[in-house]
N, C-alpha and C. Protein backbone atom coordinates (compact mmCIF):
# COMPACT_ATOMS: atom_id res chain seq x y z
N MET A 1 39.79 -9.23 41.72
CA MET A 1 39.15 -10.45 42.14
C MET A 1 37.94 -10.76 41.26
N HIS A 2 37.20 -9.70 40.90
CA HIS A 2 36.02 -9.91 40.07
C HIS A 2 36.41 -10.58 38.75
N LEU A 3 37.46 -10.10 38.15
CA LEU A 3 37.90 -10.66 36.87
C LEU A 3 38.30 -12.13 37.03
N GLN A 4 38.99 -12.46 38.12
CA GLN A 4 39.37 -13.85 38.36
C GLN A 4 38.13 -14.73 38.54
N LYS A 5 37.16 -14.24 39.29
CA LYS A 5 35.95 -15.02 39.56
C LYS A 5 35.12 -15.25 38.30
N GLU A 6 35.16 -14.33 37.37
CA GLU A 6 34.38 -14.45 36.14
C GLU A 6 35.11 -15.20 35.02
N ILE A 7 36.40 -14.99 34.90
CA ILE A 7 37.17 -15.59 33.80
C ILE A 7 37.39 -17.08 34.01
N ARG A 8 37.67 -17.49 35.22
CA ARG A 8 38.02 -18.90 35.46
C ARG A 8 36.93 -19.88 35.07
N PRO A 9 35.69 -19.74 35.54
CA PRO A 9 34.67 -20.70 35.10
C PRO A 9 34.34 -20.56 33.62
N TRP A 10 34.48 -19.36 33.10
CA TRP A 10 34.23 -19.12 31.67
C TRP A 10 35.26 -19.89 30.84
N VAL A 11 36.52 -19.86 31.24
CA VAL A 11 37.57 -20.60 30.54
C VAL A 11 37.29 -22.09 30.60
N SER A 12 36.90 -22.59 31.76
CA SER A 12 36.59 -24.01 31.91
C SER A 12 35.43 -24.42 31.02
N GLU A 13 34.40 -23.61 31.00
CA GLU A 13 33.23 -23.92 30.16
C GLU A 13 33.62 -23.96 28.70
N ARG A 14 34.42 -23.01 28.26
CA ARG A 14 34.88 -22.99 26.86
C ARG A 14 35.78 -24.19 26.55
N TYR A 15 36.63 -24.52 27.50
CA TYR A 15 37.56 -25.63 27.31
C TYR A 15 36.81 -26.94 27.07
N PHE A 16 35.79 -27.20 27.86
CA PHE A 16 35.08 -28.48 27.78
C PHE A 16 33.99 -28.51 26.71
N ARG A 17 33.90 -27.49 25.90
CA ARG A 17 32.99 -27.56 24.75
C ARG A 17 33.48 -28.58 23.74
N ASP A 18 34.80 -28.75 23.67
CA ASP A 18 35.40 -29.76 22.79
C ASP A 18 35.54 -31.04 23.62
N ILE A 19 34.67 -31.99 23.37
CA ILE A 19 34.62 -33.22 24.15
C ILE A 19 35.93 -34.00 24.08
N ALA A 20 36.65 -33.88 22.97
CA ALA A 20 37.92 -34.59 22.85
C ALA A 20 38.91 -34.16 23.93
N ARG A 21 38.78 -32.95 24.43
CA ARG A 21 39.68 -32.46 25.47
C ARG A 21 39.48 -33.18 26.80
N THR A 22 38.30 -33.72 27.02
CA THR A 22 38.05 -34.41 28.28
C THR A 22 38.91 -35.66 28.43
N GLU A 23 39.35 -36.21 27.31
CA GLU A 23 40.18 -37.41 27.34
C GLU A 23 41.58 -37.12 27.86
N ASP A 24 42.04 -35.89 27.69
CA ASP A 24 43.37 -35.49 28.15
C ASP A 24 43.28 -35.01 29.60
N ARG A 25 43.40 -35.94 30.52
CA ARG A 25 43.26 -35.58 31.94
C ARG A 25 44.39 -34.69 32.43
N ASP A 26 45.58 -34.80 31.81
CA ASP A 26 46.70 -33.94 32.21
C ASP A 26 46.42 -32.47 31.92
N SER A 27 45.51 -32.20 31.03
CA SER A 27 45.12 -30.83 30.73
C SER A 27 43.74 -30.49 31.30
N GLY A 28 42.84 -31.45 31.30
CA GLY A 28 41.48 -31.22 31.78
C GLY A 28 41.39 -31.02 33.28
N TYR A 29 42.10 -31.84 34.05
CA TYR A 29 42.05 -31.71 35.51
C TYR A 29 42.59 -30.35 35.99
N PRO A 30 43.73 -29.90 35.47
CA PRO A 30 44.20 -28.57 35.89
C PRO A 30 43.23 -27.44 35.49
N THR A 31 42.54 -27.62 34.38
CA THR A 31 41.58 -26.60 33.96
C THR A 31 40.41 -26.53 34.94
N VAL A 32 39.95 -27.69 35.38
CA VAL A 32 38.87 -27.73 36.38
C VAL A 32 39.37 -27.12 37.70
N LEU A 33 40.57 -27.48 38.09
CA LEU A 33 41.13 -26.95 39.33
C LEU A 33 41.33 -25.44 39.24
N TYR A 34 41.78 -24.97 38.10
CA TYR A 34 41.96 -23.53 37.87
C TYR A 34 40.62 -22.80 38.06
N ALA A 35 39.56 -23.36 37.52
CA ALA A 35 38.25 -22.73 37.64
C ALA A 35 37.77 -22.70 39.10
N ALA A 36 38.20 -23.68 39.89
CA ALA A 36 37.75 -23.78 41.28
C ALA A 36 38.67 -23.06 42.27
N CYS A 37 39.87 -22.66 41.84
CA CYS A 37 40.83 -22.03 42.75
C CYS A 37 40.28 -20.77 43.39
N ARG A 38 40.73 -20.54 44.60
CA ARG A 38 40.38 -19.30 45.30
C ARG A 38 40.97 -18.12 44.54
N PRO A 39 40.22 -17.04 44.44
CA PRO A 39 40.82 -15.84 43.81
C PRO A 39 41.90 -15.28 44.72
N CYS A 40 42.84 -14.59 44.14
CA CYS A 40 43.89 -13.96 44.91
C CYS A 40 43.34 -12.66 45.48
N TYR A 41 43.39 -12.54 46.79
CA TYR A 41 42.89 -11.33 47.43
C TYR A 41 43.95 -10.24 47.44
N GLY A 42 45.13 -10.57 47.00
CA GLY A 42 46.19 -9.59 46.84
C GLY A 42 46.78 -9.11 48.15
N ARG A 43 47.93 -8.51 48.00
CA ARG A 43 48.61 -7.88 49.12
C ARG A 43 48.89 -6.45 48.72
N ARG A 44 48.80 -5.60 49.67
CA ARG A 44 49.05 -4.19 49.38
C ARG A 44 50.53 -3.99 49.13
N PRO A 45 50.92 -3.07 48.32
CA PRO A 45 50.08 -2.11 47.63
C PRO A 45 49.66 -2.51 46.23
N ALA A 46 50.33 -3.50 45.61
CA ALA A 46 50.05 -3.70 44.19
C ALA A 46 49.99 -5.15 43.73
N ASP A 47 49.71 -6.09 44.59
CA ASP A 47 49.57 -7.48 44.15
C ASP A 47 48.10 -7.77 43.90
N PHE A 48 47.77 -8.05 42.66
CA PHE A 48 46.39 -8.30 42.30
C PHE A 48 46.15 -9.75 41.91
N THR A 49 47.24 -10.49 41.70
CA THR A 49 47.14 -11.88 41.25
C THR A 49 48.18 -12.72 41.98
N TYR A 50 48.07 -14.02 41.80
CA TYR A 50 49.05 -14.92 42.39
C TYR A 50 50.40 -14.75 41.71
N ASP A 51 51.45 -14.82 42.49
CA ASP A 51 52.81 -14.80 41.98
C ASP A 51 53.27 -16.25 41.86
N VAL A 52 53.28 -16.78 40.64
CA VAL A 52 53.57 -18.21 40.46
C VAL A 52 55.01 -18.56 40.77
N ALA A 53 55.89 -17.56 40.90
CA ALA A 53 57.28 -17.83 41.27
C ALA A 53 57.41 -18.05 42.78
N ASP A 54 56.41 -17.67 43.55
CA ASP A 54 56.43 -17.84 45.00
C ASP A 54 55.99 -19.27 45.33
N PRO A 55 56.79 -20.01 46.10
CA PRO A 55 56.44 -21.40 46.42
C PRO A 55 55.13 -21.55 47.20
N SER A 56 54.69 -20.50 47.86
CA SER A 56 53.45 -20.60 48.64
C SER A 56 52.20 -20.34 47.79
N THR A 57 52.39 -20.03 46.52
CA THR A 57 51.26 -19.69 45.66
C THR A 57 50.28 -20.84 45.48
N LEU A 58 50.76 -21.98 45.04
CA LEU A 58 49.84 -23.09 44.77
C LEU A 58 49.10 -23.56 46.01
N PRO A 59 49.77 -23.72 47.15
CA PRO A 59 49.00 -24.08 48.34
C PRO A 59 47.93 -23.03 48.69
N ALA A 60 48.23 -21.77 48.46
CA ALA A 60 47.24 -20.72 48.73
C ALA A 60 46.09 -20.79 47.74
N ALA A 61 46.39 -21.13 46.49
CA ALA A 61 45.36 -21.18 45.46
C ALA A 61 44.39 -22.33 45.69
N TRP A 62 44.88 -23.45 46.20
CA TRP A 62 43.96 -24.58 46.37
C TRP A 62 43.60 -24.85 47.83
N ARG A 63 43.89 -23.87 48.69
CA ARG A 63 43.47 -24.00 50.10
C ARG A 63 41.95 -24.01 50.18
N THR A 64 41.41 -24.91 50.93
CA THR A 64 39.96 -25.09 51.12
C THR A 64 39.21 -25.13 49.79
N ILE A 65 39.73 -25.90 48.86
CA ILE A 65 39.16 -25.94 47.51
C ILE A 65 38.12 -27.05 47.33
N GLY A 66 37.98 -27.93 48.30
CA GLY A 66 37.12 -29.10 48.14
C GLY A 66 35.72 -28.81 47.64
N ARG A 67 35.02 -27.92 48.31
CA ARG A 67 33.63 -27.62 47.91
C ARG A 67 33.58 -26.97 46.52
N ALA A 68 34.44 -26.00 46.29
CA ALA A 68 34.45 -25.32 44.98
C ALA A 68 34.82 -26.29 43.86
N LEU A 69 35.73 -27.20 44.14
CA LEU A 69 36.13 -28.20 43.14
C LEU A 69 34.98 -29.15 42.84
N ARG A 70 34.26 -29.59 43.86
CA ARG A 70 33.11 -30.46 43.63
C ARG A 70 32.03 -29.75 42.81
N ILE A 71 31.81 -28.48 43.08
CA ILE A 71 30.82 -27.71 42.33
C ILE A 71 31.24 -27.58 40.87
N GLU A 72 32.52 -27.28 40.64
CA GLU A 72 33.01 -27.15 39.26
C GLU A 72 32.97 -28.49 38.54
N LEU A 73 33.32 -29.56 39.21
CA LEU A 73 33.25 -30.89 38.59
C LEU A 73 31.80 -31.24 38.23
N ALA A 74 30.86 -30.91 39.09
CA ALA A 74 29.45 -31.16 38.80
C ALA A 74 29.01 -30.37 37.57
N ARG A 75 29.51 -29.14 37.44
CA ARG A 75 29.18 -28.33 36.27
C ARG A 75 29.77 -28.95 35.00
N VAL A 76 31.00 -29.43 35.09
CA VAL A 76 31.64 -30.08 33.93
C VAL A 76 30.89 -31.34 33.54
N VAL A 77 30.54 -32.16 34.53
CA VAL A 77 29.79 -33.40 34.26
C VAL A 77 28.47 -33.07 33.58
N GLN A 78 27.79 -32.07 34.07
CA GLN A 78 26.52 -31.66 33.45
C GLN A 78 26.74 -31.21 32.00
N GLN A 79 27.84 -30.51 31.75
CA GLN A 79 28.13 -30.01 30.41
C GLN A 79 28.45 -31.14 29.44
N ILE A 80 29.21 -32.14 29.89
CA ILE A 80 29.64 -33.19 28.95
C ILE A 80 28.75 -34.43 28.97
N ASP A 81 27.86 -34.52 29.96
CA ASP A 81 26.97 -35.68 30.05
C ASP A 81 26.08 -35.77 28.83
N GLY A 82 25.96 -36.95 28.28
CA GLY A 82 25.13 -37.15 27.09
C GLY A 82 25.89 -36.95 25.80
N VAL A 83 27.04 -36.29 25.88
CA VAL A 83 27.86 -36.05 24.69
C VAL A 83 29.10 -36.93 24.72
N ALA A 84 29.70 -37.04 25.89
CA ALA A 84 30.90 -37.86 26.06
C ALA A 84 30.49 -39.26 26.51
N PRO A 85 31.33 -40.25 26.26
CA PRO A 85 31.04 -41.61 26.73
C PRO A 85 30.95 -41.64 28.26
N PRO A 86 30.06 -42.46 28.81
CA PRO A 86 29.89 -42.52 30.27
C PRO A 86 31.18 -42.75 31.07
N PRO A 87 32.10 -43.62 30.62
CA PRO A 87 33.34 -43.77 31.41
C PRO A 87 34.15 -42.48 31.50
N LEU A 88 34.09 -41.71 30.45
CA LEU A 88 34.80 -40.43 30.43
C LEU A 88 34.12 -39.42 31.36
N VAL A 89 32.81 -39.42 31.37
CA VAL A 89 32.05 -38.52 32.26
C VAL A 89 32.36 -38.87 33.72
N ARG A 90 32.46 -40.16 34.03
CA ARG A 90 32.74 -40.60 35.40
C ARG A 90 34.09 -40.12 35.90
N ARG A 91 35.05 -39.93 35.00
CA ARG A 91 36.37 -39.45 35.41
C ARG A 91 36.31 -38.06 36.05
N TYR A 92 35.29 -37.31 35.68
CA TYR A 92 35.13 -35.94 36.19
C TYR A 92 34.05 -35.85 37.28
N ALA A 93 33.61 -36.97 37.80
CA ALA A 93 32.58 -36.97 38.83
C ALA A 93 33.11 -36.28 40.09
N PRO A 94 32.27 -35.50 40.76
CA PRO A 94 32.69 -34.79 41.97
C PRO A 94 33.26 -35.69 43.07
N VAL A 95 32.86 -36.95 43.08
CA VAL A 95 33.35 -37.87 44.10
C VAL A 95 34.88 -38.05 44.01
N TRP A 96 35.47 -37.77 42.86
CA TRP A 96 36.91 -37.93 42.64
C TRP A 96 37.69 -36.65 42.89
N HIS A 97 37.10 -35.67 43.55
CA HIS A 97 37.76 -34.37 43.70
C HIS A 97 39.12 -34.46 44.39
N GLN A 98 39.26 -35.31 45.39
CA GLN A 98 40.56 -35.43 46.07
C GLN A 98 41.61 -36.08 45.17
N ASP A 99 41.20 -37.07 44.40
CA ASP A 99 42.13 -37.70 43.47
C ASP A 99 42.56 -36.72 42.37
N ILE A 100 41.63 -35.90 41.92
CA ILE A 100 41.95 -34.91 40.89
C ILE A 100 42.91 -33.87 41.45
N LEU A 101 42.67 -33.43 42.67
CA LEU A 101 43.58 -32.47 43.31
C LEU A 101 44.98 -33.08 43.46
N LEU A 102 45.07 -34.32 43.89
CA LEU A 102 46.37 -34.98 44.02
C LEU A 102 47.07 -35.12 42.67
N ALA A 103 46.31 -35.45 41.64
CA ALA A 103 46.90 -35.58 40.30
C ALA A 103 47.50 -34.26 39.83
N VAL A 104 46.79 -33.17 40.09
CA VAL A 104 47.30 -31.85 39.67
C VAL A 104 48.47 -31.44 40.56
N GLN A 105 48.45 -31.79 41.83
CA GLN A 105 49.56 -31.46 42.72
C GLN A 105 50.84 -32.18 42.28
N LYS A 106 50.70 -33.38 41.72
CA LYS A 106 51.86 -34.13 41.23
C LYS A 106 52.41 -33.54 39.93
N LYS A 107 51.51 -33.01 39.10
CA LYS A 107 51.90 -32.41 37.82
C LYS A 107 51.27 -31.02 37.71
N PRO A 108 51.83 -30.02 38.40
CA PRO A 108 51.19 -28.70 38.46
C PRO A 108 51.51 -27.76 37.29
N ARG A 109 52.30 -28.20 36.33
CA ARG A 109 52.77 -27.30 35.28
C ARG A 109 51.62 -26.59 34.54
N ARG A 110 50.59 -27.30 34.17
CA ARG A 110 49.46 -26.69 33.44
C ARG A 110 48.73 -25.69 34.32
N LEU A 111 48.51 -26.01 35.58
CA LEU A 111 47.85 -25.07 36.49
C LEU A 111 48.70 -23.81 36.67
N ILE A 112 50.00 -23.99 36.83
CA ILE A 112 50.91 -22.84 36.96
C ILE A 112 50.84 -21.98 35.71
N SER A 113 50.79 -22.61 34.54
CA SER A 113 50.68 -21.87 33.28
C SER A 113 49.40 -21.05 33.22
N LEU A 114 48.29 -21.65 33.63
CA LEU A 114 47.01 -20.94 33.61
C LEU A 114 47.03 -19.75 34.57
N LEU A 115 47.54 -19.96 35.78
CA LEU A 115 47.62 -18.87 36.76
C LEU A 115 48.58 -17.77 36.29
N ALA A 116 49.69 -18.16 35.66
CA ALA A 116 50.65 -17.18 35.17
C ALA A 116 50.05 -16.34 34.04
N CYS A 117 49.33 -16.98 33.14
CA CYS A 117 48.70 -16.23 32.05
C CYS A 117 47.62 -15.29 32.58
N GLU A 118 46.87 -15.76 33.56
CA GLU A 118 45.86 -14.90 34.19
C GLU A 118 46.52 -13.69 34.84
N ALA A 119 47.62 -13.92 35.55
CA ALA A 119 48.33 -12.83 36.21
C ALA A 119 48.87 -11.82 35.20
N ALA A 120 49.48 -12.32 34.14
CA ALA A 120 50.01 -11.43 33.11
C ALA A 120 48.89 -10.64 32.45
N LEU A 121 47.77 -11.29 32.19
CA LEU A 121 46.64 -10.63 31.57
C LEU A 121 46.10 -9.50 32.45
N ILE A 122 45.90 -9.78 33.72
CA ILE A 122 45.36 -8.77 34.63
C ILE A 122 46.37 -7.64 34.83
N ASN A 123 47.65 -7.96 34.96
CA ASN A 123 48.65 -6.92 35.14
C ASN A 123 48.79 -6.01 33.93
N THR A 124 48.75 -6.58 32.73
CA THR A 124 48.83 -5.73 31.54
C THR A 124 47.55 -4.94 31.32
N LEU A 125 46.43 -5.47 31.73
CA LEU A 125 45.17 -4.73 31.67
C LEU A 125 45.23 -3.51 32.59
N ILE A 126 45.73 -3.72 33.80
CA ILE A 126 45.88 -2.60 34.74
C ILE A 126 46.88 -1.59 34.19
N ASP A 127 47.96 -2.08 33.64
CA ASP A 127 48.97 -1.21 33.03
C ASP A 127 48.37 -0.37 31.91
N TRP A 128 47.63 -1.00 31.04
CA TRP A 128 46.99 -0.29 29.93
C TRP A 128 45.99 0.74 30.44
N GLY A 129 45.23 0.37 31.46
CA GLY A 129 44.23 1.28 32.01
C GLY A 129 44.83 2.47 32.73
N THR A 130 46.02 2.32 33.30
CA THR A 130 46.62 3.42 34.04
C THR A 130 47.54 4.27 33.18
N ILE A 131 48.27 3.64 32.28
CA ILE A 131 49.21 4.39 31.44
C ILE A 131 48.54 4.99 30.21
N ARG A 132 47.66 4.22 29.61
CA ARG A 132 46.89 4.64 28.43
C ARG A 132 47.78 5.11 27.26
N THR A 133 48.75 4.27 26.93
CA THR A 133 49.59 4.55 25.77
C THR A 133 49.40 3.45 24.74
N ALA A 134 49.85 3.71 23.54
CA ALA A 134 49.75 2.70 22.48
C ALA A 134 50.61 1.49 22.82
N GLY A 135 51.75 1.71 23.46
CA GLY A 135 52.62 0.61 23.85
C GLY A 135 51.96 -0.30 24.87
N ALA A 136 51.27 0.30 25.83
CA ALA A 136 50.56 -0.50 26.84
C ALA A 136 49.43 -1.29 26.20
N GLU A 137 48.76 -0.70 25.24
CA GLU A 137 47.68 -1.40 24.54
C GLU A 137 48.24 -2.58 23.74
N LYS A 138 49.38 -2.38 23.11
CA LYS A 138 50.01 -3.47 22.35
C LYS A 138 50.44 -4.61 23.27
N ARG A 139 50.98 -4.27 24.44
CA ARG A 139 51.38 -5.30 25.40
C ARG A 139 50.15 -6.08 25.86
N PHE A 140 49.04 -5.37 26.09
CA PHE A 140 47.81 -6.03 26.49
C PHE A 140 47.33 -6.98 25.39
N ALA A 141 47.36 -6.52 24.14
CA ALA A 141 46.91 -7.35 23.02
C ALA A 141 47.79 -8.59 22.87
N LYS A 142 49.09 -8.42 23.05
CA LYS A 142 50.01 -9.55 22.94
C LYS A 142 49.78 -10.54 24.09
N THR A 143 49.61 -10.03 25.29
CA THR A 143 49.34 -10.89 26.45
C THR A 143 48.01 -11.60 26.29
N LEU A 144 47.04 -10.91 25.73
CA LEU A 144 45.72 -11.49 25.49
C LEU A 144 45.82 -12.68 24.54
N ALA A 145 46.60 -12.52 23.47
CA ALA A 145 46.79 -13.61 22.51
C ALA A 145 47.49 -14.80 23.17
N THR A 146 48.49 -14.53 24.00
CA THR A 146 49.19 -15.60 24.71
C THR A 146 48.25 -16.32 25.67
N ALA A 147 47.44 -15.55 26.40
CA ALA A 147 46.49 -16.14 27.34
C ALA A 147 45.45 -16.98 26.61
N ALA A 148 44.98 -16.50 25.47
CA ALA A 148 43.99 -17.26 24.69
C ALA A 148 44.56 -18.61 24.27
N ARG A 149 45.84 -18.64 23.89
CA ARG A 149 46.48 -19.92 23.54
C ARG A 149 46.60 -20.81 24.78
N ALA A 150 46.99 -20.24 25.91
CA ALA A 150 47.13 -21.03 27.14
C ALA A 150 45.78 -21.57 27.60
N PHE A 151 44.73 -20.78 27.45
CA PHE A 151 43.39 -21.20 27.83
C PHE A 151 42.76 -22.09 26.77
N GLU A 152 43.49 -22.30 25.67
CA GLU A 152 43.05 -23.12 24.54
C GLU A 152 41.73 -22.63 23.95
N LEU A 153 41.66 -21.32 23.74
CA LEU A 153 40.51 -20.70 23.11
C LEU A 153 40.80 -20.53 21.63
N ALA A 154 39.81 -20.74 20.81
CA ALA A 154 39.99 -20.63 19.37
C ALA A 154 40.14 -19.18 18.92
N ASP A 155 39.47 -18.27 19.60
CA ASP A 155 39.44 -16.88 19.16
C ASP A 155 39.85 -15.93 20.29
N PRO A 156 41.03 -15.28 20.17
CA PRO A 156 41.45 -14.33 21.20
C PRO A 156 40.47 -13.16 21.35
N ALA A 157 39.74 -12.83 20.29
CA ALA A 157 38.78 -11.73 20.36
C ALA A 157 37.68 -12.04 21.36
N GLU A 158 37.33 -13.31 21.48
CA GLU A 158 36.31 -13.72 22.44
C GLU A 158 36.79 -13.45 23.87
N LEU A 159 38.06 -13.73 24.14
CA LEU A 159 38.63 -13.46 25.45
C LEU A 159 38.72 -11.96 25.70
N ARG A 160 39.10 -11.20 24.70
CA ARG A 160 39.19 -9.74 24.84
C ARG A 160 37.83 -9.15 25.21
N ILE A 161 36.80 -9.59 24.52
CA ILE A 161 35.45 -9.10 24.80
C ILE A 161 35.06 -9.44 26.24
N LYS A 162 35.32 -10.68 26.66
CA LYS A 162 34.97 -11.10 28.02
C LYS A 162 35.72 -10.29 29.06
N VAL A 163 37.03 -10.13 28.86
CA VAL A 163 37.86 -9.40 29.83
C VAL A 163 37.41 -7.94 29.94
N LEU A 164 37.20 -7.29 28.81
CA LEU A 164 36.81 -5.88 28.85
C LEU A 164 35.40 -5.69 29.41
N LYS A 165 34.50 -6.61 29.07
CA LYS A 165 33.14 -6.53 29.60
C LYS A 165 33.14 -6.70 31.12
N GLU A 166 33.87 -7.68 31.62
CA GLU A 166 33.91 -7.92 33.06
C GLU A 166 34.65 -6.81 33.79
N THR A 167 35.66 -6.23 33.16
CA THR A 167 36.35 -5.11 33.77
C THR A 167 35.41 -3.92 33.89
N GLU A 168 34.65 -3.67 32.84
CA GLU A 168 33.68 -2.58 32.88
C GLU A 168 32.64 -2.82 33.97
N ARG A 169 32.14 -4.05 34.07
CA ARG A 169 31.16 -4.38 35.13
C ARG A 169 31.75 -4.15 36.51
N ALA A 170 33.00 -4.55 36.70
CA ALA A 170 33.64 -4.39 38.01
C ALA A 170 33.83 -2.92 38.37
N LEU A 171 34.14 -2.12 37.37
CA LEU A 171 34.37 -0.70 37.64
C LEU A 171 33.08 0.09 37.81
N LEU A 172 31.99 -0.40 37.26
CA LEU A 172 30.72 0.30 37.37
C LEU A 172 29.99 0.01 38.67
N VAL A 173 30.29 -1.11 39.32
CA VAL A 173 29.63 -1.47 40.56
C VAL A 173 30.30 -0.71 41.70
N PRO A 174 29.54 0.08 42.45
CA PRO A 174 30.16 0.83 43.54
C PRO A 174 30.65 -0.13 44.64
N ALA A 175 31.76 0.21 45.23
CA ALA A 175 32.34 -0.62 46.28
C ALA A 175 31.42 -0.67 47.51
N HIS A 176 30.78 0.45 47.81
CA HIS A 176 29.86 0.50 48.94
C HIS A 176 28.68 1.37 48.54
N ALA A 177 27.55 0.75 48.38
CA ALA A 177 26.33 1.50 48.07
C ALA A 177 25.73 1.94 49.40
N PRO A 178 25.32 3.18 49.50
CA PRO A 178 24.73 3.63 50.77
C PRO A 178 23.46 2.88 51.08
N ASP A 179 23.30 2.50 52.34
CA ASP A 179 22.12 1.78 52.78
C ASP A 179 20.92 2.70 52.95
N SER A 180 21.20 3.91 53.34
CA SER A 180 20.13 4.86 53.55
C SER A 180 20.60 6.25 53.13
N PRO A 181 19.68 7.19 52.95
CA PRO A 181 20.08 8.54 52.57
C PRO A 181 21.02 9.18 53.58
N ASP A 182 20.92 8.76 54.85
CA ASP A 182 21.80 9.32 55.87
C ASP A 182 23.26 8.91 55.66
N ASP A 183 23.46 7.71 55.06
CA ASP A 183 24.82 7.24 54.80
C ASP A 183 25.53 8.11 53.79
N VAL A 184 24.79 8.73 52.88
CA VAL A 184 25.38 9.59 51.85
C VAL A 184 26.02 10.80 52.51
N LEU A 185 25.40 11.31 53.56
CA LEU A 185 25.90 12.50 54.22
C LEU A 185 27.14 12.23 55.07
N ASP A 186 27.34 10.98 55.50
CA ASP A 186 28.48 10.65 56.36
C ASP A 186 29.79 10.71 55.64
């Protein structure tokens, strides 16, 4: 979940650095929605990401997304304001969050692609971390390159650095820090 929460807004921020991309609403709206989607809380024993082949995936991903979508749209507007023409900035205004959600629901292919690449990336990362073979590392590198293309990043190395840094941060943070010295003894 930590990786999903960190990668999604990062991808959106990188995507909207190129102002020309804001004109392509068929790609820009799904990217904003992807950044605002709920992380997958997984199902035991081994589901860590959304299964895009499951018909219930997209409704689960955008369930109660209104507030998160408005926050992400406000961030995008702040990022492109002053650089993009005002009519283009207005297209991403938070007030249009329901229209943007409906537009992506009508054409979900880009959102499905983003979620699928995220799932493949996280699964191969887990595979590489547990198996620790050269083959697993190669699969991770190949998946990373595919994800970088799907996320429309210029440099896959930038994504690799972000993924590995966030994975390290997630693994270093204890799941439950003791509140008091007595908790350590329990």
